[in-house]
Amino acid sequence: ATESKLKFWACNEVKAKLDQCFKAEKQRMLAEMNRHLDQRRNEEQAHAALAFGKKETFSEFLAKDATYQKEVEQERQRQKRWFSF
């Protein structure tokens, strides 16, 4: 019984094919799970805003907040400089 397990684990081609199969399945499952993620997030934020008596969601607030937008742009520029080397 031990010998057959060792022969299987020594077979790199089979392991590579299994890895490809598992990777493809993982990608498919993640795509399915995240299919409506933005819609669900927007709905959750709208419900939270309603629960706290706010007229706008946190995302809407951040989109209008000049300080936040300035910091986001600074971070993008910093990352662009970092990755441009």
Protein backbone atom coordinates (compact mmCIF):
# COMPACT_ATOMS: atom_id res chain seq x y z
CA ALA A 1 0.00 0.00 0.00
CA THR A 2 2.85 2.40 0.79
CA GLU A 3 4.53 1.76 -2.53
CA SER A 4 1.49 2.80 -4.61
CA LYS A 5 1.18 6.10 -2.69
CA LEU A 6 4.83 6.88 -3.33
CA LYS A 7 4.45 6.15 -7.02
CA PHE A 8 1.42 8.44 -7.22
CA TRP A 9 3.14 11.37 -5.49
CA ALA A 10 6.17 10.91 -7.70
CA CYS A 11 4.03 11.49 -10.80
CA ASN A 12 4.50 15.20 -11.51
CA GLU A 13 2.28 15.21 -14.60
CA VAL A 14 -0.72 13.99 -12.64
CA LYS A 15 -0.06 16.49 -9.87
CA ALA A 16 0.21 19.32 -12.41
CA LYS A 17 -3.10 18.34 -14.02
CA LEU A 18 -4.81 18.12 -10.62
CA ASP A 19 -3.44 21.55 -9.69
CA GLN A 20 -4.80 23.01 -12.93
CA CYS A 21 -8.17 21.42 -12.31
CA PHE A 22 -8.36 22.71 -8.73
CA LYS A 23 -7.26 26.17 -9.83
CA ALA A 24 -9.94 26.32 -12.52
CA GLU A 25 -12.59 25.13 -10.05
CA LYS A 26 -11.48 27.72 -7.49
CA GLN A 27 -11.68 30.52 -10.09
CA ARG A 28 -15.16 29.36 -11.12
CA MET A 29 -16.36 29.26 -7.51
CA LEU A 30 -14.93 32.71 -6.73
CA ALA A 31 -16.53 34.20 -9.83
CA GLU A 32 -19.88 32.71 -8.80
CA MET A 33 -19.58 33.97 -5.23
CA ASN A 34 -18.59 37.49 -6.28
CA ARG A 35 -21.01 37.81 -9.19
CA HIS A 36 -23.36 40.24 -7.44
CA LEU A 37 -20.94 41.57 -4.83
CA ASP A 38 -21.23 45.25 -5.79
CA GLN A 39 -25.01 45.09 -5.86
CA ARG A 40 -25.13 43.41 -2.43
CA ARG A 41 -22.63 45.92 -0.99
CA ASN A 42 -24.72 48.85 -2.26
CA GLU A 43 -27.88 47.33 -0.79
CA GLU A 44 -26.19 46.77 2.57
CA GLN A 45 -24.91 50.34 2.65
CA ALA A 46 -28.33 51.69 1.75
CA HIS A 47 -29.91 49.66 4.58
CA ALA A 48 -27.25 50.86 7.02
CA ALA A 49 -27.80 54.47 6.01
CA LEU A 50 -31.55 54.04 6.48
CA ALA A 51 -31.04 52.43 9.88
CA PHE A 52 -28.89 55.35 11.05
CA GLY A 53 -31.24 57.96 9.59
CA LYS A 54 -28.82 59.11 6.91
CA LYS A 55 -29.84 60.18 3.43
CA GLU A 56 -26.67 58.99 1.70
CA THR A 57 -24.57 55.84 1.93
CA PHE A 58 -21.00 55.84 3.15
CA SER A 59 -19.76 55.31 -0.41
CA GLU A 60 -21.73 58.34 -1.58
CA PHE A 61 -20.33 60.37 1.30
CA LEU A 62 -16.75 59.35 0.43
CA ALA A 63 -17.32 60.16 -3.23
CA LYS A 64 -18.22 63.74 -2.22
CA ASP A 65 -15.55 64.14 0.46
CA ALA A 66 -12.74 66.29 -0.99
CA THR A 67 -10.20 65.31 1.68
CA TYR A 68 -10.73 61.61 1.08
CA GLN A 69 -10.55 62.04 -2.70
CA LYS A 70 -7.31 64.02 -2.36
CA GLU A 71 -5.74 61.30 -0.21
CA VAL A 72 -6.87 58.57 -2.61
CA GLU A 73 -5.30 60.44 -5.52
CA GLN A 74 -2.06 60.96 -3.59
CA GLU A 75 -1.92 57.23 -2.83
CA ARG A 76 -2.52 56.37 -6.49
CA GLN A 77 0.31 58.67 -7.53
CA ARG A 78 2.59 57.17 -4.91
CA GLN A 79 1.82 53.65 -6.11
CA LYS A 80 2.23 54.68 -9.74
CA ARG A 81 5.72 56.02 -8.96
CA TRP A 82 6.55 52.88 -7.01
CA PHE A 83 5.54 50.49 -9.80
CA SER A 84 6.95 52.56 -12.65
CA PHE A 85 10.56 51.59 -11.90
